[in-house]
Amino acid sequence: MITQHGNVLAYELAAANIDERDMVPEIAKNSKGMLLADKGLIRPELKAELARQNLDLQTPYRKNMTDSRSKETVSLMMNIRRKDETVIGQLVDRFHIQAIKAKDLWHLCAKVGRKILSHSVCFMFNKIANPDKPLALELLVS
């Protein structure tokens, strides 16, 4: 989970055989407002459960679904979602989060935590140095 600017708020580690939709209520348990997600989180039961937690889950609809939201609203949501993809890309490309090798869960959690902390520190430094582009981490090295 990230802020609208791209700073990491929360994350959860789970086994590969666990559906990501089952993890969302745990990650978002202390959040309120709107939660933007990708099409993979379309599930009416999940939307209802998050509504009980005062969260409005919004996802893009599949092609066979009718969307009553305005095109401007959907476009704005997709622009915000693009930041999520940027953060995931940075964690993969710059911090190599997908290539962590650990022999036990404790070391895996510690290594993931350090990589996310490193991203957050870079984000904060870049927000100070380049307030209009906090996710452009390449500007820190110039």
N, C-alpha and C. Protein backbone atom coordinates (compact mmCIF):
# COMPACT_ATOMS: atom_id res chain seq x y z
N MET A 1 0.85 -1.16 0.00
CA MET A 1 0.00 0.00 0.00
C MET A 1 0.91 1.23 0.00
N ILE A 2 0.59 2.20 -0.86
CA ILE A 2 1.38 3.43 -0.94
C ILE A 2 0.47 4.64 -0.79
N THR A 3 1.10 5.79 -0.51
CA THR A 3 0.35 7.04 -0.46
C THR A 3 0.10 7.51 -1.89
N GLN A 4 -0.67 8.57 -2.04
CA GLN A 4 -0.94 9.11 -3.37
C GLN A 4 0.31 9.68 -4.02
N HIS A 5 1.35 9.94 -3.23
CA HIS A 5 2.60 10.47 -3.77
C HIS A 5 3.60 9.37 -4.10
N GLY A 6 3.42 8.17 -3.51
CA GLY A 6 4.29 7.06 -3.82
C GLY A 6 5.12 6.53 -2.67
N ASN A 7 4.89 7.01 -1.46
CA ASN A 7 5.63 6.51 -0.30
C ASN A 7 4.96 5.22 0.21
N VAL A 8 5.74 4.23 0.55
CA VAL A 8 5.20 2.94 1.00
C VAL A 8 4.62 3.10 2.40
N LEU A 9 3.35 2.72 2.56
CA LEU A 9 2.68 2.78 3.86
C LEU A 9 2.67 1.44 4.57
N ALA A 10 2.39 0.37 3.81
CA ALA A 10 2.27 -0.95 4.42
C ALA A 10 2.56 -2.01 3.39
N TYR A 11 2.99 -3.15 3.88
CA TYR A 11 3.19 -4.31 3.02
C TYR A 11 2.97 -5.54 3.86
N GLU A 12 2.75 -6.64 3.20
CA GLU A 12 2.51 -7.90 3.89
C GLU A 12 3.19 -9.00 3.08
N LEU A 13 3.88 -9.88 3.75
CA LEU A 13 4.48 -11.04 3.09
C LEU A 13 3.56 -12.23 3.28
N ALA A 14 3.42 -13.01 2.21
CA ALA A 14 2.57 -14.20 2.27
C ALA A 14 3.18 -15.28 1.39
N ALA A 15 2.79 -16.49 1.65
CA ALA A 15 3.23 -17.60 0.82
C ALA A 15 2.69 -17.42 -0.60
N ALA A 16 3.36 -17.99 -1.56
CA ALA A 16 2.97 -17.82 -2.96
C ALA A 16 1.61 -18.45 -3.27
N ASN A 17 1.16 -19.39 -2.47
CA ASN A 17 -0.11 -20.05 -2.76
C ASN A 17 -1.31 -19.33 -2.13
N ILE A 18 -1.10 -18.17 -1.53
CA ILE A 18 -2.19 -17.41 -0.92
C ILE A 18 -2.65 -16.33 -1.90
N ASP A 19 -3.96 -16.23 -2.07
CA ASP A 19 -4.55 -15.24 -2.98
C ASP A 19 -4.32 -13.84 -2.42
N GLU A 20 -3.86 -12.94 -3.27
CA GLU A 20 -3.60 -11.57 -2.80
C GLU A 20 -4.85 -10.88 -2.29
N ARG A 21 -6.01 -11.27 -2.80
CA ARG A 21 -7.27 -10.66 -2.34
C ARG A 21 -7.54 -11.01 -0.87
N ASP A 22 -7.02 -12.12 -0.41
CA ASP A 22 -7.19 -12.50 0.99
C ASP A 22 -6.31 -11.69 1.92
N MET A 23 -5.28 -11.05 1.38
CA MET A 23 -4.33 -10.27 2.19
C MET A 23 -4.77 -8.81 2.36
N VAL A 24 -5.61 -8.31 1.49
CA VAL A 24 -5.96 -6.89 1.48
C VAL A 24 -6.58 -6.43 2.80
N PRO A 25 -7.55 -7.12 3.38
CA PRO A 25 -8.12 -6.64 4.64
C PRO A 25 -7.09 -6.48 5.74
N GLU A 26 -6.10 -7.36 5.78
CA GLU A 26 -5.05 -7.27 6.80
C GLU A 26 -4.16 -6.05 6.58
N ILE A 27 -3.80 -5.80 5.33
CA ILE A 27 -2.94 -4.66 5.02
C ILE A 27 -3.66 -3.35 5.29
N ALA A 28 -4.94 -3.31 4.96
CA ALA A 28 -5.70 -2.06 5.02
C ALA A 28 -6.51 -1.90 6.30
N LYS A 29 -6.20 -2.66 7.35
CA LYS A 29 -7.06 -2.67 8.53
C LYS A 29 -7.13 -1.33 9.25
N ASN A 30 -6.13 -0.48 9.17
CA ASN A 30 -6.16 0.81 9.85
C ASN A 30 -6.36 1.97 8.90
N SER A 31 -6.78 1.70 7.68
CA SER A 31 -6.94 2.75 6.67
C SER A 31 -8.41 3.13 6.53
N LYS A 32 -8.62 4.33 6.02
CA LYS A 32 -9.96 4.83 5.72
C LYS A 32 -9.89 5.58 4.41
N GLY A 33 -11.03 5.72 3.75
CA GLY A 33 -11.07 6.49 2.51
C GLY A 33 -11.21 5.58 1.31
N MET A 34 -10.41 5.85 0.28
CA MET A 34 -10.50 5.10 -0.96
C MET A 34 -9.23 4.28 -1.16
N LEU A 35 -9.42 3.06 -1.61
CA LEU A 35 -8.32 2.17 -1.91
C LEU A 35 -8.39 1.85 -3.40
N LEU A 36 -7.38 2.28 -4.15
CA LEU A 36 -7.32 2.01 -5.58
C LEU A 36 -6.50 0.76 -5.80
N ALA A 37 -7.01 -0.14 -6.61
CA ALA A 37 -6.32 -1.40 -6.85
C ALA A 37 -6.48 -1.80 -8.31
N ASP A 38 -5.80 -2.87 -8.69
CA ASP A 38 -5.91 -3.34 -10.07
C ASP A 38 -7.07 -4.33 -10.21
N LYS A 39 -7.28 -4.79 -11.43
CA LYS A 39 -8.40 -5.69 -11.71
C LYS A 39 -8.33 -7.00 -10.94
N GLY A 40 -7.15 -7.36 -10.49
CA GLY A 40 -6.99 -8.60 -9.75
C GLY A 40 -7.74 -8.62 -8.43
N LEU A 41 -8.14 -7.46 -7.94
CA LEU A 41 -8.85 -7.40 -6.65
C LEU A 41 -10.36 -7.27 -6.81
N ILE A 42 -10.87 -7.51 -8.01
CA ILE A 42 -12.32 -7.48 -8.21
C ILE A 42 -12.92 -8.72 -7.55
N ARG A 43 -13.66 -8.47 -6.49
CA ARG A 43 -14.39 -9.53 -5.78
C ARG A 43 -15.44 -8.84 -4.92
N PRO A 44 -16.72 -9.10 -5.16
CA PRO A 44 -17.78 -8.41 -4.39
C PRO A 44 -17.66 -8.61 -2.89
N GLU A 45 -17.26 -9.78 -2.45
CA GLU A 45 -17.13 -10.04 -1.01
C GLU A 45 -16.03 -9.18 -0.40
N LEU A 46 -14.94 -8.99 -1.13
CA LEU A 46 -13.84 -8.15 -0.66
C LEU A 46 -14.29 -6.70 -0.56
N LYS A 47 -15.01 -6.22 -1.57
CA LYS A 47 -15.51 -4.84 -1.56
C LYS A 47 -16.42 -4.62 -0.36
N ALA A 48 -17.29 -5.59 -0.06
CA ALA A 48 -18.20 -5.48 1.09
C ALA A 48 -17.43 -5.50 2.41
N GLU A 49 -16.44 -6.37 2.52
CA GLU A 49 -15.65 -6.44 3.75
C GLU A 49 -14.88 -5.14 3.99
N LEU A 50 -14.31 -4.57 2.93
CA LEU A 50 -13.58 -3.31 3.07
C LEU A 50 -14.54 -2.16 3.37
N ALA A 51 -15.74 -2.22 2.85
CA ALA A 51 -16.74 -1.18 3.15
C ALA A 51 -17.06 -1.18 4.64
N ARG A 52 -17.06 -2.36 5.27
CA ARG A 52 -17.28 -2.43 6.72
C ARG A 52 -16.12 -1.81 7.48
N GLN A 53 -14.93 -1.73 6.84
CA GLN A 53 -13.76 -1.09 7.46
C GLN A 53 -13.65 0.38 7.05
N ASN A 54 -14.72 0.94 6.46
CA ASN A 54 -14.75 2.33 5.98
C ASN A 54 -13.77 2.58 4.84
N LEU A 55 -13.58 1.59 3.99
CA LEU A 55 -12.73 1.72 2.81
C LEU A 55 -13.57 1.49 1.55
N ASP A 56 -13.41 2.38 0.59
CA ASP A 56 -14.09 2.25 -0.69
C ASP A 56 -13.10 1.69 -1.70
N LEU A 57 -13.23 0.40 -2.03
CA LEU A 57 -12.34 -0.25 -2.99
C LEU A 57 -12.77 0.12 -4.40
N GLN A 58 -11.85 0.69 -5.15
CA GLN A 58 -12.12 1.06 -6.55
C GLN A 58 -11.10 0.36 -7.44
N THR A 59 -11.60 -0.33 -8.44
CA THR A 59 -10.75 -1.01 -9.40
C THR A 59 -11.23 -0.67 -10.80
N PRO A 60 -10.35 -0.78 -11.80
CA PRO A 60 -10.86 -0.68 -13.17
C PRO A 60 -11.73 -1.90 -13.43
N TYR A 61 -12.72 -1.75 -14.27
CA TYR A 61 -13.61 -2.86 -14.58
C TYR A 61 -13.08 -3.65 -15.76
N ARG A 62 -13.48 -4.89 -15.83
CA ARG A 62 -13.13 -5.72 -16.98
C ARG A 62 -13.97 -5.28 -18.18
N LYS A 63 -13.56 -5.68 -19.36
CA LYS A 63 -14.23 -5.24 -20.59
C LYS A 63 -15.68 -5.66 -20.65
N ASN A 64 -16.02 -6.77 -20.04
CA ASN A 64 -17.41 -7.25 -20.09
C ASN A 64 -18.28 -6.67 -18.97
N MET A 65 -17.75 -5.73 -18.21
CA MET A 65 -18.48 -5.11 -17.11
C MET A 65 -18.87 -3.69 -17.50
N THR A 66 -20.03 -3.22 -17.04
CA THR A 66 -20.45 -1.84 -17.32
C THR A 66 -19.96 -0.93 -16.20
N ASP A 67 -19.44 0.22 -16.61
CA ASP A 67 -18.85 1.17 -15.67
C ASP A 67 -19.68 2.44 -15.66
N SER A 68 -20.28 2.76 -14.52
CA SER A 68 -21.12 3.96 -14.41
C SER A 68 -20.31 5.20 -14.03
N ARG A 69 -19.02 5.02 -13.75
CA ARG A 69 -18.19 6.16 -13.38
C ARG A 69 -17.81 6.96 -14.62
N SER A 70 -17.56 8.25 -14.43
CA SER A 70 -17.19 9.10 -15.57
C SER A 70 -15.80 8.71 -16.08
N LYS A 71 -15.56 8.98 -17.35
CA LYS A 71 -14.25 8.68 -17.95
C LYS A 71 -13.14 9.47 -17.25
N GLU A 72 -13.43 10.70 -16.81
CA GLU A 72 -12.44 11.51 -16.11
C GLU A 72 -12.06 10.87 -14.78
N THR A 73 -13.04 10.34 -14.06
CA THR A 73 -12.77 9.68 -12.78
C THR A 73 -11.90 8.45 -12.98
N VAL A 74 -12.25 7.64 -13.97
CA VAL A 74 -11.48 6.43 -14.25
C VAL A 74 -10.06 6.80 -14.67
N SER A 75 -9.92 7.83 -15.49
CA SER A 75 -8.60 8.27 -15.94
C SER A 75 -7.76 8.75 -14.76
N LEU A 76 -8.35 9.51 -13.85
CA LEU A 76 -7.64 9.98 -12.66
C LEU A 76 -7.19 8.81 -11.79
N MET A 77 -8.08 7.84 -11.61
CA MET A 77 -7.73 6.67 -10.82
C MET A 77 -6.58 5.89 -11.47
N MET A 78 -6.59 5.78 -12.78
CA MET A 78 -5.53 5.04 -13.47
C MET A 78 -4.20 5.79 -13.36
N ASN A 79 -4.22 7.12 -13.38
CA ASN A 79 -2.99 7.89 -13.20
C ASN A 79 -2.41 7.67 -11.80
N ILE A 80 -3.26 7.62 -10.81
CA ILE A 80 -2.80 7.36 -9.44
C ILE A 80 -2.27 5.93 -9.33
N ARG A 81 -2.97 4.97 -9.95
CA ARG A 81 -2.53 3.57 -9.93
C ARG A 81 -1.17 3.40 -10.60
N ARG A 82 -0.87 4.24 -11.58
CA ARG A 82 0.42 4.16 -12.27
C ARG A 82 1.57 4.37 -11.29
N LYS A 83 1.35 5.19 -10.25
CA LYS A 83 2.39 5.39 -9.23
C LYS A 83 2.69 4.10 -8.50
N ASP A 84 1.65 3.32 -8.25
CA ASP A 84 1.83 2.02 -7.60
C ASP A 84 2.73 1.13 -8.45
N GLU A 85 2.47 1.10 -9.72
CA GLU A 85 3.30 0.30 -10.63
C GLU A 85 4.73 0.83 -10.67
N THR A 86 4.90 2.16 -10.58
CA THR A 86 6.24 2.75 -10.55
C THR A 86 7.01 2.29 -9.32
N VAL A 87 6.36 2.32 -8.16
CA VAL A 87 7.02 1.89 -6.92
C VAL A 87 7.39 0.42 -7.01
N ILE A 88 6.49 -0.41 -7.51
CA ILE A 88 6.80 -1.84 -7.65
C ILE A 88 7.98 -2.01 -8.60
N GLY A 89 7.98 -1.27 -9.70
CA GLY A 89 9.09 -1.34 -10.65
C GLY A 89 10.41 -0.91 -10.03
N GLN A 90 10.38 0.13 -9.21
CA GLN A 90 11.61 0.57 -8.55
C GLN A 90 12.11 -0.47 -7.55
N LEU A 91 11.21 -1.08 -6.81
CA LEU A 91 11.62 -2.11 -5.86
C LEU A 91 12.22 -3.32 -6.58
N VAL A 92 11.71 -3.61 -7.77
CA VAL A 92 12.23 -4.74 -8.54
C VAL A 92 13.53 -4.36 -9.23
N ASP A 93 13.55 -3.23 -9.95
CA ASP A 93 14.71 -2.87 -10.77
C ASP A 93 15.88 -2.31 -9.97
N ARG A 94 15.61 -1.40 -9.05
CA ARG A 94 16.68 -0.73 -8.32
C ARG A 94 17.10 -1.47 -7.04
N PHE A 95 16.13 -2.08 -6.39
CA PHE A 95 16.40 -2.72 -5.11
C PHE A 95 16.38 -4.25 -5.18
N HIS A 96 16.09 -4.81 -6.34
CA HIS A 96 16.13 -6.26 -6.59
C HIS A 96 15.36 -7.06 -5.54
N ILE A 97 14.17 -6.58 -5.24
CA ILE A 97 13.38 -7.22 -4.19
C ILE A 97 12.91 -8.62 -4.59
N GLN A 98 12.85 -8.89 -5.89
CA GLN A 98 12.39 -10.20 -6.34
C GLN A 98 13.49 -11.26 -6.23
N ALA A 99 14.73 -10.84 -5.99
CA ALA A 99 15.85 -11.79 -5.99
C ALA A 99 16.44 -12.00 -4.60
N ILE A 100 15.64 -11.84 -3.58
CA ILE A 100 16.13 -12.01 -2.21
C ILE A 100 16.32 -13.50 -1.93
N LYS A 101 17.46 -13.82 -1.40
CA LYS A 101 17.73 -15.19 -1.00
C LYS A 101 17.84 -15.23 0.53
N ALA A 102 17.03 -16.07 1.15
CA ALA A 102 17.05 -16.20 2.60
C ALA A 102 16.73 -17.64 2.95
N LYS A 103 17.34 -18.11 4.02
CA LYS A 103 17.13 -19.50 4.43
C LYS A 103 15.96 -19.67 5.40
N ASP A 104 15.52 -18.56 5.98
CA ASP A 104 14.38 -18.67 6.90
C ASP A 104 13.54 -17.40 6.81
N LEU A 105 12.37 -17.48 7.41
CA LEU A 105 11.39 -16.39 7.33
C LEU A 105 11.91 -15.12 7.99
N TRP A 106 12.62 -15.24 9.10
CA TRP A 106 13.12 -14.06 9.79
C TRP A 106 14.04 -13.26 8.89
N HIS A 107 14.99 -13.91 8.24
CA HIS A 107 15.93 -13.21 7.37
C HIS A 107 15.23 -12.65 6.13
N LEU A 108 14.25 -13.36 5.61
CA LEU A 108 13.48 -12.85 4.48
C LEU A 108 12.76 -11.56 4.86
N CYS A 109 12.09 -11.56 6.01
CA CYS A 109 11.38 -10.37 6.47
C CYS A 109 12.33 -9.20 6.69
N ALA A 110 13.49 -9.49 7.28
CA ALA A 110 14.47 -8.43 7.53
C ALA A 110 14.99 -7.84 6.23
N LYS A 111 15.26 -8.67 5.25
CA LYS A 111 15.78 -8.17 3.97
C LYS A 111 14.73 -7.37 3.21
N VAL A 112 13.50 -7.85 3.19
CA VAL A 112 12.42 -7.11 2.53
C VAL A 112 12.23 -5.77 3.23
N GLY A 113 12.21 -5.78 4.55
CA GLY A 113 12.05 -4.54 5.31
C GLY A 113 13.15 -3.53 5.02
N ARG A 114 14.39 -4.00 4.91
CA ARG A 114 15.50 -3.09 4.60
C ARG A 114 15.36 -2.48 3.21
N LYS A 115 14.90 -3.27 2.26
CA LYS A 115 14.75 -2.75 0.89
C LYS A 115 13.63 -1.71 0.83
N ILE A 116 12.54 -1.97 1.53
CA ILE A 116 11.45 -0.99 1.55
C ILE A 116 11.86 0.25 2.32
N LEU A 117 12.61 0.08 3.41
CA LEU A 117 13.14 1.24 4.14
C LEU A 117 14.08 2.05 3.25
N SER A 118 14.93 1.39 2.49
CA SER A 118 15.83 2.09 1.58
C SER A 118 15.05 2.89 0.54
N HIS A 119 14.01 2.29 0.00
CA HIS A 119 13.17 3.02 -0.96
C HIS A 119 12.53 4.23 -0.30
N SER A 120 12.04 4.06 0.92
CA SER A 120 11.39 5.17 1.62
C SER A 120 12.37 6.30 1.92
N VAL A 121 13.60 5.97 2.30
CA VAL A 121 14.62 7.00 2.56
C VAL A 121 14.94 7.75 1.26
N CYS A 122 15.12 7.01 0.18
CA CYS A 122 15.38 7.67 -1.12
C CYS A 122 14.20 8.56 -1.51
N PHE A 123 12.98 8.06 -1.30
CA PHE A 123 11.79 8.84 -1.60
C PHE A 123 11.79 10.15 -0.81
N MET A 124 12.08 10.08 0.49
CA MET A 124 12.05 11.28 1.33
C MET A 124 13.16 12.27 0.94
N PHE A 125 14.37 11.78 0.69
CA PHE A 125 15.44 12.67 0.23
C PHE A 125 15.07 13.33 -1.09
N ASN A 126 14.50 12.55 -1.99
CA ASN A 126 14.14 13.10 -3.29
C ASN A 126 12.96 14.06 -3.17
N LYS A 127 12.07 13.83 -2.23
CA LYS A 127 10.95 14.76 -2.03
C LYS A 127 11.46 16.11 -1.55
N ILE A 128 12.53 16.11 -0.77
CA ILE A 128 13.14 17.37 -0.32
C ILE A 128 13.87 18.04 -1.47
N ALA A 129 14.65 17.26 -2.21
CA ALA A 129 15.46 17.82 -3.29
C ALA A 129 14.62 18.15 -4.53
N ASN A 130 13.63 17.35 -4.82
CA ASN A 130 12.79 17.51 -6.02
C ASN A 130 11.33 17.33 -5.63
N PRO A 131 10.72 18.32 -4.98
CA PRO A 131 9.38 18.13 -4.44
C PRO A 131 8.31 17.80 -5.49
N ASP A 132 8.52 18.19 -6.73
CA ASP A 132 7.52 17.92 -7.75
C ASP A 132 7.67 16.52 -8.38
N LYS A 133 8.79 15.83 -8.12
CA LYS A 133 9.03 14.49 -8.67
C LYS A 133 9.64 13.57 -7.61
N PRO A 134 8.92 13.25 -6.55
CA PRO A 134 9.52 12.44 -5.49
C PRO A 134 9.85 11.01 -5.89
N LEU A 135 9.21 10.49 -6.93
CA LEU A 135 9.48 9.12 -7.36
C LEU A 135 10.59 9.03 -8.42
N ALA A 136 11.10 10.16 -8.87
CA ALA A 136 12.19 10.15 -9.85
C ALA A 136 13.50 9.96 -9.11
N LEU A 137 13.74 8.75 -8.63
CA LEU A 137 14.90 8.48 -7.79
C LEU A 137 16.23 8.67 -8.52
N GLU A 138 16.22 8.62 -9.84
CA GLU A 138 17.45 8.83 -10.60
C GLU A 138 17.97 10.27 -10.43
N LEU A 139 17.12 11.19 -10.02
CA LEU A 139 17.56 12.57 -9.79
C LEU A 139 18.45 12.71 -8.56
N LEU A 140 18.45 11.71 -7.67
CA LEU A 140 19.30 11.77 -6.48
C LEU A 140 20.77 11.60 -6.82
N VAL A 141 21.07 10.95 -7.92
CA VAL A 141 22.45 10.63 -8.26
C VAL A 141 23.08 11.67 -9.17
N SER A 142 22.30 12.58 -9.71
CA SER A 142 22.86 13.55 -10.67
C SER A 142 23.70 14.62 -10.00
